[in-house]
PDB file of N, CA and C in Angstrom:
ATOM      1  N   MET A   1      57.804  62.437  95.595  1.00  0.00           N
ATOM      2  CA  MET A   1      57.140  63.716  95.608  1.00  0.00           C
ATOM      3  C   MET A   1      55.687  63.534  95.228  1.00  0.00           C
ATOM      4  N   ARG A   2      54.923  64.420  95.750  1.00  0.00           N
ATOM      5  CA  ARG A   2      53.505  64.370  95.437  1.00  0.00           C
ATOM      6  C   ARG A   2      53.174  65.476  94.456  1.00  0.00           C
ATOM      7  N   THR A   3      52.082  65.324  93.774  1.00  0.00           N
ATOM      8  CA  THR A   3      51.616  66.387  92.898  1.00  0.00           C
ATOM      9  C   THR A   3      50.584  67.189  93.642  1.00  0.00           C
ATOM     10  N   HIS A   4      50.722  68.477  93.570  1.00  0.00           N
ATOM     11  CA  HIS A   4      49.784  69.399  94.195  1.00  0.00           C
ATOM     12  C   HIS A   4      49.400  70.429  93.152  1.00  0.00           C
ATOM     13  N   GLY A   5      48.290  70.995  93.282  1.00  0.00           N
ATOM     14  CA  GLY A   5      47.891  72.070  92.384  1.00  0.00           C
ATOM     15  C   GLY A   5      47.298  71.527  91.098  1.00  0.00           C
ATOM     16  N   THR A   6      47.151  72.402  90.163  1.00  0.00           N
ATOM     17  CA  THR A   6      46.514  72.036  88.908  1.00  0.00           C
ATOM     18  C   THR A   6      47.542  71.662  87.872  1.00  0.00           C
ATOM     19  N   LEU A   7      47.108  71.056  86.838  1.00  0.00           N
ATOM     20  CA  LEU A   7      47.926  70.684  85.687  1.00  0.00           C
ATOM     21  C   LEU A   7      49.064  69.734  86.038  1.00  0.00           C
ATOM     22  N   GLY A   8      48.981  69.043  87.124  1.00  0.00           N
ATOM     23  CA  GLY A   8      49.948  68.011  87.461  1.00  0.00           C
ATOM     24  C   GLY A   8      51.354  68.516  87.741  1.00  0.00           C
ATOM     25  N   GLN A   9      51.485  69.736  88.240  1.00  0.00           N
ATOM     26  CA  GLN A   9      52.808  70.268  88.569  1.00  0.00           C
ATOM     27  C   GLN A   9      53.378  69.538  89.772  1.00  0.00           C
ATOM     28  N   LEU A  10      54.689  69.271  89.731  1.00  0.00           N
ATOM     29  CA  LEU A  10      55.351  68.621  90.857  1.00  0.00           C
ATOM     30  C   LEU A  10      55.811  69.677  91.845  1.00  0.00           C
ATOM     31  N   ARG A  11      55.500  69.469  93.077  1.00  0.00           N
ATOM     32  CA  ARG A  11      55.941  70.378  94.131  1.00  0.00           C
ATOM     33  C   ARG A  11      56.395  69.554  95.325  1.00  0.00           C
ATOM     34  N   ALA A  12      57.402  70.072  95.992  1.00  0.00           N
ATOM     35  CA  ALA A  12      57.887  69.382  97.185  1.00  0.00           C
ATOM     36  C   ALA A  12      56.904  69.615  98.315  1.00  0.00           C
ATOM     37  N   PRO A  13      56.772  68.646  99.185  1.00  0.00           N
ATOM     38  CA  PRO A  13      55.875  68.842 100.335  1.00  0.00           C
ATOM     39  C   PRO A  13      56.415  69.955 101.231  1.00  0.00           C
ATOM     40  N   PRO A  14      55.571  70.636 101.963  1.00  0.00           N
ATOM     41  CA  PRO A  14      55.991  71.747 102.817  1.00  0.00           C
ATOM     42  C   PRO A  14      57.104  71.373 103.790  1.00  0.00           C
ATOM     43  N   GLU A  15      57.134  70.135 104.282  1.00  0.00           N
ATOM     44  CA  GLU A  15      58.177  69.728 105.232  1.00  0.00           C
ATOM     45  C   GLU A  15      59.559  69.786 104.577  1.00  0.00           C
ATOM     46  N   THR A  16      59.644  69.383 103.313  1.00  0.00           N
ATOM     47  CA  THR A  16      60.915  69.388 102.595  1.00  0.00           C
ATOM     48  C   THR A  16      61.402  70.815 102.381  1.00  0.00           C
ATOM     49  N   LEU A  17      60.492  71.720 102.049  1.00  0.00           N
ATOM     50  CA  LEU A  17      60.859  73.118 101.859  1.00  0.00           C
ATOM     51  C   LEU A  17      61.377  73.730 103.151  1.00  0.00           C
ATOM     52  N   GLU A  18      60.771  73.388 104.271  1.00  0.00           N
ATOM     53  CA  GLU A  18      61.211  73.927 105.565  1.00  0.00           C
ATOM     54  C   GLU A  18      62.615  73.426 105.904  1.00  0.00           C
ATOM     55  N   VAL A  19      62.898  72.165 105.626  1.00  0.00           N
ATOM     56  CA  VAL A  19      64.230  71.610 105.880  1.00  0.00           C
ATOM     57  C   VAL A  19      65.265  72.328 105.004  1.00  0.00           C
ATOM     58  N   ALA A  20      64.934  72.595 103.750  1.00  0.00           N
ATOM     59  CA  ALA A  20      65.853  73.291 102.849  1.00  0.00           C
ATOM     60  C   ALA A  20      66.124  74.707 103.345  1.00  0.00           C
ATOM     61  N   ARG A  21      65.088  75.396 103.828  1.00  0.00           N
ATOM     62  CA  ARG A  21      65.275  76.751 104.365  1.00  0.00           C
ATOM     63  C   ARG A  21      66.184  76.729 105.587  1.00  0.00           C
ATOM     64  N   MET A  22      65.976  75.763 106.462  1.00  0.00           N
ATOM     65  CA  MET A  22      66.802  75.662 107.670  1.00  0.00           C
ATOM     66  C   MET A  22      68.259  75.378 107.298  1.00  0.00           C
ATOM     67  N   ALA A  23      68.476  74.517 106.308  1.00  0.00           N
ATOM     68  CA  ALA A  23      69.837  74.199 105.877  1.00  0.00           C
ATOM     69  C   ALA A  23      70.514  75.439 105.295  1.00  0.00           C
ATOM     70  N   SER A  24      69.771  76.226 104.512  1.00  0.00           N
ATOM     71  CA  SER A  24      70.332  77.457 103.944  1.00  0.00           C
ATOM     72  C   SER A  24      70.713  78.436 105.041  1.00  0.00           C
ATOM     73  N   ARG A  25      69.871  78.580 106.046  1.00  0.00           N
ATOM     74  CA  ARG A  25      70.176  79.484 107.161  1.00  0.00           C
ATOM     75  C   ARG A  25      71.411  79.008 107.916  1.00  0.00           C
ATOM     76  N   PHE A  26      71.497  77.693 108.124  1.00  0.00           N
ATOM     77  CA  PHE A  26      72.642  77.136 108.839  1.00  0.00           C
ATOM     78  C   PHE A  26      73.942  77.425 108.082  1.00  0.00           C
ATOM     79  N   VAL A  27      73.933  77.204 106.775  1.00  0.00           N
ATOM     80  CA  VAL A  27      75.125  77.454 105.959  1.00  0.00           C
ATOM     81  C   VAL A  27      75.493  78.931 106.015  1.00  0.00           C
ATOM     82  N   ALA A  28      74.507  79.829 105.892  1.00  0.00           N
ATOM     83  CA  ALA A  28      74.783  81.269 105.925  1.00  0.00           C
ATOM     84  C   ALA A  28      75.357  81.685 107.276  1.00  0.00           C
ATOM     85  N   LEU A  29      74.784  81.198 108.366  1.00  0.00           N
ATOM     86  CA  LEU A  29      75.288  81.538 109.699  1.00  0.00           C
ATOM     87  C   LEU A  29      76.693  80.984 109.920  1.00  0.00           C
ATOM     88  N   THR A  30      76.943  79.772 109.463  1.00  0.00           N
ATOM     89  CA  THR A  30      78.264  79.170 109.625  1.00  0.00           C
ATOM     90  C   THR A  30      79.317  79.965 108.853  1.00  0.00           C
ATOM     91  N   LEU A  31      79.017  80.311 107.600  1.00  0.00           N
ATOM     92  CA  LEU A  31      79.969  81.103 106.810  1.00  0.00           C
ATOM     93  C   LEU A  31      80.203  82.473 107.434  1.00  0.00           C
ATOM     94  N   GLY A  32      79.142  83.110 107.904  1.00  0.00           N
ATOM     95  CA  GLY A  32      79.288  84.419 108.549  1.00  0.00           C
ATOM     96  C   GLY A  32      80.170  84.340 109.781  1.00  0.00           C
ATOM     97  N   THR A  33      79.970  83.307 110.583  1.00  0.00           N
ATOM     98  CA  THR A  33      80.772  83.129 111.791  1.00  0.00           C
ATOM     99  C   THR A  33      82.241  82.886 111.440  1.00  0.00           C
ATOM    100  N   LEU A  34      82.486  82.073 110.427  1.00  0.00           N
ATOM    101  CA  LEU A  34      83.866  81.809 110.010  1.00  0.00           C
ATOM    102  C   LEU A  34      84.548  83.073 109.501  1.00  0.00           C
ATOM    103  N   LEU A  35      83.820  83.877 108.734  1.00  0.00           N
ATOM    104  CA  LEU A  35      84.409  85.116 108.227  1.00  0.00           C
ATOM    105  C   LEU A  35      84.722  86.088 109.355  1.00  0.00           C
ATOM    106  N   LEU A  36      83.837  86.197 110.320  1.00  0.00           N
ATOM    107  CA  LEU A  36      84.098  87.084 111.454  1.00  0.00           C
ATOM    108  C   LEU A  36      85.275  86.579 112.278  1.00  0.00           C
ATOM    109  N   GLY A  37      85.378  85.277 112.428  1.00  0.00           N
ATOM    110  CA  GLY A  37      86.478  84.698 113.190  1.00  0.00           C
ATOM    111  C   GLY A  37      87.823  84.882 112.508  1.00  0.00           C
ATOM    112  N   ALA A  38      87.815  85.030 111.191  1.00  0.00           N
ATOM    113  CA  ALA A  38      89.064  85.206 110.455  1.00  0.00           C
ATOM    114  C   ALA A  38      89.645  86.599 110.643  1.00  0.00           C
ATOM    115  N   MET A  39      88.814  87.549 111.066  1.00  0.00           N
ATOM    116  CA  MET A  39      89.287  88.919 111.302  1.00  0.00           C
ATOM    117  C   MET A  39      89.792  89.048 112.727  1.00  0.00           C
ATOM    118  N   PRO A  40      91.024  89.510 112.923  1.00  0.00           N
ATOM    119  CA  PRO A  40      91.511  89.701 114.282  1.00  0.00           C
ATOM    120  C   PRO A  40      90.689  90.773 115.003  1.00  0.00           C
ATOM    121  N   ALA A  41      90.410  90.520 116.255  1.00  0.00           N
ATOM    122  CA  ALA A  41      89.636  91.482 117.040  1.00  0.00           C
ATOM    123  C   ALA A  41      90.409  92.775 117.199  1.00  0.00           C
ATOM    124  N   GLY A  42      89.734  93.876 116.980  1.00  0.00           N
ATOM    125  CA  GLY A  42      90.359  95.182 117.169  1.00  0.00           C
ATOM    126  C   GLY A  42      91.421  95.516 116.141  1.00  0.00           C
ATOM    127  N   ALA A  43      91.416  94.803 115.014  1.00  0.00           N
ATOM    128  CA  ALA A  43      92.430  95.078 113.993  1.00  0.00           C
ATOM    129  C   ALA A  43      92.227  96.461 113.408  1.00  0.00           C
ATOM    130  N   LYS A  44      93.315  97.137 113.203  1.00  0.00           N
ATOM    131  CA  LYS A  44      93.275  98.471 112.618  1.00  0.00           C
ATOM    132  C   LYS A  44      94.188  98.500 111.411  1.00  0.00           C
ATOM    133  N   GLU A  45      93.908  99.408 110.497  1.00  0.00           N
ATOM    134  CA  GLU A  45      94.790  99.595 109.352  1.00  0.00           C
ATOM    135  C   GLU A  45      96.100 100.186 109.846  1.00  0.00           C
ATOM    136  N   PRO A  46      97.215  99.821 109.230  1.00  0.00           N
ATOM    137  CA  PRO A  46      98.475 100.435 109.640  1.00  0.00           C
ATOM    138  C   PRO A  46      98.427 101.938 109.393  1.00  0.00           C
ATOM    139  N   ALA A  47      99.010 102.671 110.309  1.00  0.00           N
ATOM    140  CA  ALA A  47      99.030 104.132 110.180  1.00  0.00           C
ATOM    141  C   ALA A  47      99.888 104.525 108.987  1.00  0.00           C
ATOM    142  N   ALA A  48      99.486 105.584 108.327  1.00  0.00           N
ATOM    143  CA  ALA A  48     100.267 106.089 107.197  1.00  0.00           C
ATOM    144  C   ALA A  48     101.600 106.614 107.712  1.00  0.00           C
ATOM    145  N   ARG A  49     102.622 106.413 106.936  1.00  0.00           N
ATOM    146  CA  ARG A  49     103.944 106.908 107.337  1.00  0.00           C
ATOM    147  C   ARG A  49     104.004 108.410 107.156  1.00  0.00           C
ATOM    148  N   THR A  50     104.684 109.042 108.072  1.00  0.00           N
ATOM    149  CA  THR A  50     104.909 110.476 107.931  1.00  0.00           C
ATOM    150  C   THR A  50     106.290 110.670 107.328  1.00  0.00           C
ATOM    151  N   ALA A  51     106.597 111.890 106.971  1.00  0.00           N
ATOM    152  CA  ALA A  51     107.895 112.172 106.350  1.00  0.00           C
ATOM    153  C   ALA A  51     109.051 111.761 107.254  1.00  0.00           C
ATOM    154  N   ASP A  52     108.880 111.900 108.582  1.00  0.00           N
ATOM    155  CA  ASP A  52     109.957 111.543 109.510  1.00  0.00           C
ATOM    156  C   ASP A  52     110.124 110.038 109.645  1.00  0.00           C
ATOM    157  N   GLN A  53     109.095 109.255 109.248  1.00  0.00           N
ATOM    158  CA  GLN A  53     109.150 107.814 109.406  1.00  0.00           C
ATOM    159  C   GLN A  53     109.518 107.094 108.118  1.00  0.00           C
ATOM    160  N   GLU A  54     109.755 107.829 107.040  1.00  0.00           N
ATOM    161  CA  GLU A  54     110.095 107.196 105.776  1.00  0.00           C
ATOM    162  C   GLU A  54     111.336 106.339 105.931  1.00  0.00           C
ATOM    163  N   GLU A  55     111.310 105.210 105.234  1.00  0.00           N
ATOM    164  CA  GLU A  55     112.517 104.399 105.194  1.00  0.00           C
ATOM    165  C   GLU A  55     113.436 105.025 104.161  1.00  0.00           C
ATOM    166  N   ALA A  56     114.596 105.424 104.577  1.00  0.00           N
ATOM    167  CA  ALA A  56     115.556 106.047 103.670  1.00  0.00           C
ATOM    168  C   ALA A  56     116.879 105.317 103.813  1.00  0.00           C
ATOM    169  N   PRO A  57     117.647 105.277 102.738  1.00  0.00           N
ATOM    170  CA  PRO A  57     118.959 104.649 102.865  1.00  0.00           C
ATOM    171  C   PRO A  57     119.822 105.404 103.867  1.00  0.00           C
ATOM    172  N   ALA A  58     120.735 104.692 104.490  1.00  0.00           N
ATOM    173  CA  ALA A  58     121.638 105.334 105.447  1.00  0.00           C
ATOM    174  C   ALA A  58     122.437 106.406 104.717  1.00  0.00           C
ATOM    175  N   ALA A  59     122.490 107.586 105.306  1.00  0.00           N
ATOM    176  CA  ALA A  59     123.174 108.713 104.665  1.00  0.00           C
ATOM    177  C   ALA A  59     124.678 108.627 104.865  1.00  0.00           C
ATOM    178  N   ASP A  60     125.397 108.921 103.783  1.00  0.00           N
ATOM    179  CA  ASP A  60     126.848 109.039 103.878  1.00  0.00           C
ATOM    180  C   ASP A  60     127.208 110.367 104.532  1.00  0.00           C
ATOM    181  N   GLU A  61     126.321 111.367 104.332  1.00  0.00           N
ATOM    182  CA  GLU A  61     126.589 112.707 104.846  1.00  0.00           C
ATOM    183  C   GLU A  61     125.262 113.438 105.029  1.00  0.00           C
ATOM    184  N   THR A  62     125.203 114.312 106.042  1.00  0.00           N
ATOM    185  CA  THR A  62     124.030 115.155 106.258  1.00  0.00           C
ATOM    186  C   THR A  62     124.377 116.585 105.876  1.00  0.00           C
ATOM    187  N   LEU A  63     123.514 117.175 105.054  1.00  0.00           N
ATOM    188  CA  LEU A  63     123.686 118.572 104.652  1.00  0.00           C
ATOM    189  C   LEU A  63     122.550 119.376 105.270  1.00  0.00           C
ATOM    190  N   THR A  64     122.895 120.403 106.047  1.00  0.00           N
ATOM    191  CA  THR A  64     121.883 121.258 106.666  1.00  0.00           C
ATOM    192  C   THR A  64     121.904 122.613 105.966  1.00  0.00           C
ATOM    193  N   LEU A  65     120.728 123.021 105.481  1.00  0.00           N
ATOM    194  CA  LEU A  65     120.598 124.287 104.752  1.00  0.00           C
ATOM    195  C   LEU A  65     119.468 125.109 105.353  1.00  0.00           C
ATOM    196  N   LYS A  66     119.594 126.411 105.272  1.00  0.00           N
ATOM    197  CA  LYS A  66     118.506 127.317 105.650  1.00  0.00           C
ATOM    198  C   LYS A  66     117.543 127.397 104.468  1.00  0.00           C
ATOM    199  N   LYS A  67     116.265 127.589 104.761  1.00  0.00           N
ATOM    200  CA  LYS A  67     115.268 127.742 103.708  1.00  0.00           C
ATOM    201  C   LYS A  67     115.706 128.873 102.773  1.00  0.00           C
ATOM    202  N   GLY A  68     115.693 128.607 101.470  1.00  0.00           N
ATOM    203  CA  GLY A  68     116.106 129.595 100.475  1.00  0.00           C
ATOM    204  C   GLY A  68     117.567 129.485 100.068  1.00  0.00           C
ATOM    205  N   ALA A  69     118.366 128.744 100.829  1.00  0.00           N
ATOM    206  CA  ALA A  69     119.800 128.611 100.527  1.00  0.00           C
ATOM    207  C   ALA A  69     120.029 127.601  99.401  1.00  0.00           C
ATOM    208  N   LYS A  70     121.216 127.686  98.795  1.00  0.00           N
ATOM    209  CA  LYS A  70     121.620 126.762  97.737  1.00  0.00           C
ATOM    210  C   LYS A  70     123.007 126.234  98.048  1.00  0.00           C
ATOM    211  N   ARG A  71     123.269 125.028  97.558  1.00  0.00           N
ATOM    212  CA  ARG A  71     124.596 124.440  97.729  1.00  0.00           C
ATOM    213  C   ARG A  71     124.889 123.579  96.507  1.00  0.00           C
ATOM    214  N   VAL A  72     126.121 123.608  96.046  1.00  0.00           N
ATOM    215  CA  VAL A  72     126.512 122.816  94.883  1.00  0.00           C
ATOM    216  C   VAL A  72     127.444 121.695  95.336  1.00  0.00           C
ATOM    217  N   LEU A  73     127.141 120.480  94.916  1.00  0.00           N
ATOM    218  CA  LEU A  73     127.996 119.318  95.174  1.00  0.00           C
ATOM    219  C   LEU A  73     128.713 118.964  93.882  1.00  0.00           C
ATOM    220  N   THR A  74     129.952 118.528  94.007  1.00  0.00           N
ATOM    221  CA  THR A  74     130.692 118.055  92.838  1.00  0.00           C
ATOM    222  C   THR A  74     130.743 116.536  92.896  1.00  0.00           C
ATOM    223  N   VAL A  75     130.250 115.898  91.840  1.00  0.00           N
ATOM    224  CA  VAL A  75     130.207 114.437  91.767  1.00  0.00           C
ATOM    225  C   VAL A  75     130.879 114.020  90.459  1.00  0.00           C
ATOM    226  N   PRO A  76     132.142 113.589  90.514  1.00  0.00           N
ATOM    227  CA  PRO A  76     132.844 113.188  89.290  1.00  0.00           C
ATOM    228  C   PRO A  76     132.096 112.065  88.563  1.00  0.00           C
ATOM    229  N   GLY A  77     131.875 112.261  87.269  1.00  0.00           N
ATOM    230  CA  GLY A  77     131.188 111.244  86.465  1.00  0.00           C
ATOM    231  C   GLY A  77     129.707 111.138  86.764  1.00  0.00           C
ATOM    232  N   LEU A  78     129.085 112.223  87.190  1.00  0.00           N
ATOM    233  CA  LEU A  78     127.661 112.221  87.553  1.00  0.00           C
ATOM    234  C   LEU A  78     126.822 111.561  86.457  1.00  0.00           C
ATOM    235  N   SER A  79     126.025 110.550  86.865  1.00  0.00           N
ATOM    236  CA  SER A  79     125.197 109.855  85.876  1.00  0.00           C
ATOM    237  C   SER A  79     123.715 109.838  86.231  1.00  0.00           C
ATOM    238  N   ARG A  80     123.398 109.996  87.505  1.00  0.00           N
ATOM    239  CA  ARG A  80     121.998 109.894  87.919  1.00  0.00           C
ATOM    240  C   ARG A  80     121.803 110.602  89.241  1.00  0.00           C
ATOM    241  N   VAL A  81     120.581 111.171  89.439  1.00  0.00           N
ATOM    242  CA  VAL A  81     120.233 111.870  90.678  1.00  0.00           C
ATOM    243  C   VAL A  81     118.818 111.452  91.067  1.00  0.00           C
ATOM    244  N   ALA A  82     118.577 111.200  92.358  1.00  0.00           N
ATOM    245  CA  ALA A  82     117.233 110.883  92.850  1.00  0.00           C
ATOM    246  C   ALA A  82     116.987 111.665  94.131  1.00  0.00           C
ATOM    247  N   LEU A  83     115.819 112.313  94.210  1.00  0.00           N
ATOM    248  CA  LEU A  83     115.458 113.119  95.375  1.00  0.00           C
ATOM    249  C   LEU A  83     114.185 112.561  95.986  1.00  0.00           C
ATOM    250  N   GLY A  84     114.181 112.410  97.319  1.00  0.00           N
ATOM    251  CA  GLY A  84     113.029 111.841  98.005  1.00  0.00           C
ATOM    252  C   GLY A  84     111.795 112.721  97.995  1.00  0.00           C
ATOM    253  N   ASP A  85     111.872 113.938  98.508  1.00  0.00           N
ATOM    254  CA  ASP A  85     110.705 114.813  98.644  1.00  0.00           C
ATOM    255  C   ASP A  85     110.973 116.148  97.962  1.00  0.00           C
ATOM    256  N   PRO A  86     110.420 116.346  96.773  1.00  0.00           N
ATOM    257  CA  PRO A  86     110.682 117.583  96.038  1.00  0.00           C
ATOM    258  C   PRO A  86     110.014 118.820  96.638  1.00  0.00           C
ATOM    259  N   SER A  87     109.179 118.651  97.662  1.00  0.00           N
ATOM    260  CA  SER A  87     108.603 119.833  98.320  1.00  0.00           C
ATOM    261  C   SER A  87     109.578 120.420  99.346  1.00  0.00           C
ATOM    262  N   ILE A  88     110.582 119.657  99.764  1.00  0.00           N
ATOM    263  CA  ILE A  88     111.576 120.111 100.742  1.00  0.00           C
ATOM    264  C   ILE A  88     112.772 120.756 100.040  1.00  0.00           C
ATOM    265  N   ALA A  89     113.227 120.137  98.968  1.00  0.00           N
ATOM    266  CA  ALA A  89     114.395 120.650  98.241  1.00  0.00           C
ATOM    267  C   ALA A  89     114.221 120.386  96.751  1.00  0.00           C
ATOM    268  N   ASP A  90     114.976 121.138  95.967  1.00  0.00           N
ATOM    269  CA  ASP A  90     114.984 120.956  94.518  1.00  0.00           C
ATOM    270  C   ASP A  90     116.432 120.709  94.112  1.00  0.00           C
ATOM    271  N   VAL A  91     116.633 119.885  93.103  1.00  0.00           N
ATOM    272  CA  VAL A  91     117.990 119.654  92.610  1.00  0.00           C
ATOM    273  C   VAL A  91     118.014 119.819  91.100  1.00  0.00           C
ATOM    274  N   LYS A  92     119.141 120.312  90.607  1.00  0.00           N
ATOM    275  CA  LYS A  92     119.362 120.352  89.166  1.00  0.00           C
ATOM    276  C   LYS A  92     120.845 120.162  88.923  1.00  0.00           C
ATOM    277  N   THR A  93     121.141 119.588  87.784  1.00  0.00           N
ATOM    278  CA  THR A  93     122.545 119.364  87.449  1.00  0.00           C
ATOM    279  C   THR A  93     123.133 120.638  86.857  1.00  0.00           C
ATOM    280  N   THR A  94     124.401 120.848  87.165  1.00  0.00           N
ATOM    281  CA  THR A  94     125.129 122.003  86.629  1.00  0.00           C
ATOM    282  C   THR A  94     126.391 121.471  85.975  1.00  0.00           C
ATOM    283  N   GLY A  95     126.486 121.617  84.681  1.00  0.00           N
ATOM    284  CA  GLY A  95     127.646 121.079  83.980  1.00  0.00           C
ATOM    285  C   GLY A  95     127.598 119.566  83.959  1.00  0.00           C
ATOM    286  N   THR A  96     128.780 118.940  83.934  1.00  0.00           N
ATOM    287  CA  THR A  96     128.835 117.480  83.868  1.00  0.00           C
ATOM    288  C   THR A  96     129.016 116.823  85.225  1.00  0.00           C
ATOM    289  N   ASP A  97     129.490 117.584  86.214  1.00  0.00           N
ATOM    290  CA  ASP A  97     129.796 116.996  87.521  1.00  0.00           C
ATOM    291  C   ASP A  97     129.110 117.687  88.692  1.00  0.00           C
ATOM    292  N   GLY A  98     128.224 118.618  88.448  1.00  0.00           N
ATOM    293  CA  GLY A  98     127.649 119.382  89.555  1.00  0.00           C
ATOM    294  C   GLY A  98     126.180 119.102  89.796  1.00  0.00           C
ATOM    295  N   VAL A  99     125.797 119.164  91.071  1.00  0.00           N
ATOM    296  CA  VAL A  99     124.400 119.047  91.487  1.00  0.00           C
ATOM    297  C   VAL A  99     124.112 120.233  92.396  1.00  0.00           C
ATOM    298  N   GLU A 100     123.156 121.077  92.002  1.00  0.00           N
ATOM    299  CA  GLU A 100     122.777 122.230  92.821  1.00  0.00           C
ATOM    300  C   GLU A 100     121.536 121.879  93.632  1.00  0.00           C
ATOM    301  N   ILE A 101     121.639 122.056  94.947  1.00  0.00           N
ATOM    302  CA  ILE A 101     120.527 121.778  95.861  1.00  0.00           C
ATOM    303  C   ILE A 101     119.950 123.112  96.308  1.00  0.00           C
ATOM    304  N   SER A 102     118.644 123.280  96.158  1.00  0.00           N
ATOM    305  CA  SER A 102     117.951 124.486  96.621  1.00  0.00           C
ATOM    306  C   SER A 102     117.002 124.092  97.740  1.00  0.00           C
ATOM    307  N   ALA A 103     117.144 124.732  98.911  1.00  0.00           N
ATOM    308  CA  ALA A 103     116.288 124.443 100.066  1.00  0.00           C
ATOM    309  C   ALA A 103     114.964 125.197  99.905  1.00  0.00           C
ATOM    310  N   LEU A 104     113.852 124.461  99.829  1.00  0.00           N
ATOM    311  CA  LEU A 104     112.551 125.081  99.574  1.00  0.00           C
ATOM    312  C   LEU A 104     111.699 125.273 100.825  1.00  0.00           C
ATOM    313  N   ALA A 105     111.649 124.260 101.685  1.00  0.00           N
ATOM    314  CA  ALA A 105     110.778 124.318 102.864  1.00  0.00           C
ATOM    315  C   ALA A 105     111.405 123.513 103.997  1.00  0.00           C
ATOM    316  N   ALA A 106     111.033 123.852 105.223  1.00  0.00           N
ATOM    317  CA  ALA A 106     111.573 123.136 106.385  1.00  0.00           C
ATOM    318  C   ALA A 106     111.185 121.662 106.320  1.00  0.00           C
ATOM    319  N   GLY A 107     112.148 120.810 106.630  1.00  0.00           N
ATOM    320  CA  GLY A 107     111.892 119.372 106.634  1.00  0.00           C
ATOM    321  C   GLY A 107     113.151 118.593 106.318  1.00  0.00           C
ATOM    322  N   LYS A 108     112.958 117.293 106.067  1.00  0.00           N
ATOM    323  CA  LYS A 108     114.084 116.401 105.773  1.00  0.00           C
ATOM    324  C   LYS A 108     113.757 115.587 104.534  1.00  0.00           C
ATOM    325  N   THR A 109     114.760 115.317 103.742  1.00  0.00           N
ATOM    326  CA  THR A 109     114.610 114.452 102.581  1.00  0.00           C
ATOM    327  C   THR A 109     115.944 113.778 102.290  1.00  0.00           C
ATOM    328  N   THR A 110     115.943 112.897 101.331  1.00  0.00           N
ATOM    329  CA  THR A 110     117.146 112.159 100.969  1.00  0.00           C
ATOM    330  C   THR A 110     117.499 112.433  99.514  1.00  0.00           C
ATOM    331  N   LEU A 111     118.778 112.630  99.261  1.00  0.00           N
ATOM    332  CA  LEU A 111     119.296 112.815  97.907  1.00  0.00           C
ATOM    333  C   LEU A 111     120.299 111.698  97.641  1.00  0.00           C
ATOM    334  N   ILE A 112     120.131 111.015  96.515  1.00  0.00           N
ATOM    335  CA  ILE A 112     121.074 109.969  96.116  1.00  0.00           C
ATOM    336  C   ILE A 112     121.666 110.380  94.779  1.00  0.00           C
ATOM    337  N   VAL A 113     122.993 110.332  94.688  1.00  0.00           N
ATOM    338  CA  VAL A 113     123.681 110.657  93.431  1.00  0.00           C
ATOM    339  C   VAL A 113     124.572 109.478  93.046  1.00  0.00           C
ATOM    340  N   TRP A 114     124.659 109.226  91.747  1.00  0.00           N
ATOM    341  CA  TRP A 114     125.514 108.177  91.223  1.00  0.00           C
ATOM    342  C   TRP A 114     126.611 108.823  90.397  1.00  0.00           C
ATOM    343  N   GLY A 115     127.828 108.401  90.637  1.00  0.00           N
ATOM    344  CA  GLY A 115     128.982 108.958  89.935  1.00  0.00           C
ATOM    345  C   GLY A 115     129.744 107.899  89.168  1.00  0.00           C
ATOM    346  N   ASN A 116     131.074 108.119  89.052  1.00  0.00           N
ATOM    347  CA  ASN A 116     131.957 107.207  88.314  1.00  0.00           C
ATOM    348  C   ASN A 116     131.724 105.751  88.685  1.00  0.00           C
ATOM    349  N   GLY A 117     131.622 104.906  87.663  1.00  0.00           N
ATOM    350  CA  GLY A 117     131.490 103.469  87.901  1.00  0.00           C
ATOM    351  C   GLY A 117     130.224 103.076  88.637  1.00  0.00           C
ATOM    352  N   GLY A 118     129.207 103.916  88.628  1.00  0.00           N
ATOM    353  CA  GLY A 118     127.958 103.595  89.316  1.00  0.00           C
ATOM    354  C   GLY A 118     128.038 103.750  90.821  1.00  0.00           C
ATOM    355  N   LYS A 119     129.112 104.379  91.309  1.00  0.00           N
ATOM    356  CA  LYS A 119     129.267 104.580  92.749  1.00  0.00           C
ATOM    357  C   LYS A 119     128.147 105.492  93.256  1.00  0.00           C
ATOM    358  N   ARG A 120     127.471 105.026  94.291  1.00  0.00           N
ATOM    359  CA  ARG A 120     126.326 105.760  94.836  1.00  0.00           C
ATOM    360  C   ARG A 120     126.698 106.443  96.139  1.00  0.00           C
ATOM    361  N   ARG A 121     126.214 107.670  96.289  1.00  0.00           N
ATOM    362  CA  ARG A 121     126.431 108.426  97.526  1.00  0.00           C
ATOM    363  C   ARG A 121     125.078 108.970  97.963  1.00  0.00           C
ATOM    364  N   THR A 122     124.790 108.854  99.266  1.00  0.00           N
ATOM    365  CA  THR A 122     123.500 109.272  99.811  1.00  0.00           C
ATOM    366  C   THR A 122     123.694 110.442 100.765  1.00  0.00           C
ATOM    367  N   TYR A 123     122.852 111.453 100.604  1.00  0.00           N
ATOM    368  CA  TYR A 123     122.893 112.644 101.461  1.00  0.00           C
ATOM    369  C   TYR A 123     121.540 112.812 102.141  1.00  0.00           C
ATOM    370  N   ARG A 124     121.579 113.093 103.416  1.00  0.00           N
ATOM    371  CA  ARG A 124     120.372 113.470 104.156  1.00  0.00           C
ATOM    372  C   ARG A 124     120.325 114.985 104.100  1.00  0.00           C
ATOM    373  N   ILE A 125     119.275 115.542 103.506  1.00  0.00           N
ATOM    374  CA  ILE A 125     119.124 116.991 103.385  1.00  0.00           C
ATOM    375  C   ILE A 125     118.183 117.460 104.490  1.00  0.00           C
ATOM    376  N   VAL A 126     118.664 118.355 105.340  1.00  0.00           N
ATOM    377  CA  VAL A 126     117.856 118.927 106.418  1.00  0.00           C
ATOM    378  C   VAL A 126     117.709 120.413 106.131  1.00  0.00           C
ATOM    379  N   VAL A 127     116.462 120.865 105.996  1.00  0.00           N
ATOM    380  CA  VAL A 127     116.202 122.280 105.734  1.00  0.00           C
ATOM    381  C   VAL A 127     115.578 122.888 106.979  1.00  0.00           C
ATOM    382  N   ASP A 128     116.248 123.911 107.517  1.00  0.00           N
ATOM    383  CA  ASP A 128     115.736 124.647 108.677  1.00  0.00           C
ATOM    384  C   ASP A 128     114.922 125.829 108.170  1.00  0.00           C
ATOM    385  N   GLY A 129     113.780 126.067 108.842  1.00  0.00           N
ATOM    386  CA  GLY A 129     112.904 127.183 108.447  1.00  0.00           C
ATOM    387  C   GLY A 129     113.529 128.455 108.774  1.00  0.00           C
TER     388      GLY A 129
END
């Protein structure tokens, strides 16, 4: 290296600086190209699932109710209840073995109840407007 300027400061010759700039540009362009190549052309985000496309367990039984209607199921040894979409139907336990289903809005949802010995039963709830 040569000394340029005052006070004996060391500086690289202009040719060396130009080579370093070109190398930096090459690395940046190469990385940019690799990143673009890693993205599939025309890739789109997966569409959001709608209520009709939800993955639900296979139903043991389908219950169809009119909006505003109620139905009580008897489940011996009832221990647990799970409802898919609380905007479609509401459930509450009645006594030790009962589950009351209230139809709130048109649509479909899934109800899972667990009874004696952890036995699980799945219901597809269909509410007609």
